[in-house]
Each structure stands twice: as structure tokens, then as C-alpha cells.
Amino acid sequence: MYVLLSDSFRLELKALVRKWEEDKVIAITNPLTISKPKVDSVYAKKKQILFVGRLTNQKGLNFLLPIWEEFTKCNQMNWGGII
């Protein structure tokens, strides 16, 4: 018995297996289908910068705030920051 993650692997498996038995091959497909986002929806998203980490000097947060201030002066777009 062979279990594949996709039907697209059948040809590869067939080339590797000497005695091919179609009834002994099962493909488990992904039950989730994700549609591609519309191009317009990508541009409609908010522009945000996200800081993730411990709030310690080791992470350099003390550099982030002055850089953020300069960034917002130079950029006229509506950017948001999340700490």
C-alpha cells in the first residue's frame, strides 16, 4: 500500500515501483482550498510594521522608535506601527 500526498506524485511513484498496482495507491489530497486574493484586495490592505519580541534592550527597541519617527516623516503614506 502506498499513500501519496497528491495525485501528481503517481507518475513518480510508478517510475520507482517495479510491480505497479493502481489499486494499492491512495492519494490524500488537501481538503482546504485557498483562493488567490484579488489584486485589488492586496493594495487595499493597511500598511503596517510589526515588532515582535521581548521588550528588552537586547532586542534593540530603543533603535526602533527613533527610526520609526524618521520613517513617518519621510513617508506620506498611512503606515501604522504595532509593538
Protein backbone atom coordinates (compact mmCIF):
# COMPACT_ATOMS: atom_id res chain seq x y z
CA MET A 1 0.00 0.00 0.00
CA TYR A 2 1.31 3.45 -0.95
CA VAL A 3 -0.07 6.72 0.40
CA LEU A 4 0.64 9.88 -1.58
CA LEU A 5 0.07 13.49 -0.57
CA SER A 6 -1.12 14.38 -4.07
CA ASP A 7 -2.27 12.66 -7.25
CA SER A 8 0.54 14.47 -9.04
CA PHE A 9 3.06 12.07 -7.45
CA ARG A 10 1.58 8.98 -9.12
CA LEU A 11 3.87 9.15 -12.16
CA GLU A 12 6.99 9.49 -9.99
CA LEU A 13 5.94 6.53 -7.87
CA LYS A 14 5.11 4.46 -10.94
CA ALA A 15 8.66 5.03 -12.23
CA LEU A 16 10.15 3.84 -8.91
CA VAL A 17 7.97 0.80 -8.21
CA ARG A 18 8.69 -2.42 -10.13
CA LYS A 19 5.29 -4.03 -9.77
CA TRP A 20 2.71 -1.28 -10.22
CA GLU A 21 -0.75 -1.95 -8.78
CA GLU A 22 -3.09 1.01 -9.13
CA ASP A 23 -5.49 -0.33 -6.51
CA LYS A 24 -2.72 -0.18 -3.87
CA VAL A 25 -2.13 3.57 -4.31
CA ILE A 26 -4.12 6.13 -2.36
CA ALA A 27 -3.75 9.90 -2.65
CA ILE A 28 -4.75 12.06 0.31
CA THR A 29 -5.46 15.49 -1.06
CA ASN A 30 -5.54 18.69 0.94
CA PRO A 31 -9.15 19.35 1.99
CA LEU A 32 -8.52 23.09 2.23
CA THR A 33 -8.86 25.17 -0.87
CA ILE A 34 -7.42 28.65 -0.71
CA SER A 35 -8.34 31.01 -3.45
CA LYS A 36 -5.86 33.53 -4.75
CA PRO A 37 -6.50 37.05 -3.43
CA LYS A 38 -7.80 39.62 -5.84
CA VAL A 39 -5.15 42.10 -6.89
CA ASP A 40 -7.28 44.99 -5.65
CA SER A 41 -7.53 43.49 -2.16
CA VAL A 42 -3.74 43.39 -1.83
CA TYR A 43 -3.47 47.13 -2.39
CA ALA A 44 -6.41 47.86 -0.09
CA LYS A 45 -4.63 46.40 2.94
CA LYS A 46 -3.25 48.64 5.66
CA LYS A 47 0.47 49.22 5.60
CA GLN A 48 1.82 48.20 8.99
CA ILE A 49 5.15 47.47 10.56
CA LEU A 50 5.06 44.84 13.28
CA PHE A 51 7.62 44.43 16.05
CA VAL A 52 7.59 41.01 17.66
CA GLY A 53 9.93 40.22 20.51
CA ARG A 54 10.67 40.73 24.17
CA LEU A 55 10.65 44.34 25.28
CA THR A 56 14.32 44.34 26.33
CA ASN A 57 17.37 46.36 25.31
CA GLN A 58 18.79 43.23 23.73
CA LYS A 59 16.08 43.36 21.03
CA GLY A 60 17.01 46.93 20.02
CA LEU A 61 13.62 48.53 20.60
CA ASN A 62 15.46 51.70 21.63
CA PHE A 63 16.63 51.99 17.98
CA LEU A 64 13.20 51.25 16.53
CA LEU A 65 11.39 54.28 17.92
CA PRO A 66 13.76 56.97 16.53
CA ILE A 67 13.87 55.11 13.19
CA TRP A 68 10.07 54.98 13.18
CA GLU A 69 9.92 58.73 13.76
CA GLU A 70 12.21 59.38 10.77
CA PHE A 71 10.29 56.90 8.64
CA THR A 72 6.96 58.61 9.27
CA LYS A 73 8.48 62.00 8.39
CA CYS A 74 9.75 60.68 5.03
CA ASN A 75 6.68 58.64 4.10
CA GLN A 76 3.45 60.39 3.33
CA MET A 77 1.51 57.09 3.18
CA ASN A 78 -0.59 55.99 6.12
CA TRP A 79 1.64 53.49 7.89
CA GLY A 80 0.82 52.01 11.27
CA GLY A 81 3.10 50.54 13.87
CA ILE A 82 2.32 47.67 16.21
CA ILE A 83 4.52 46.80 19.17
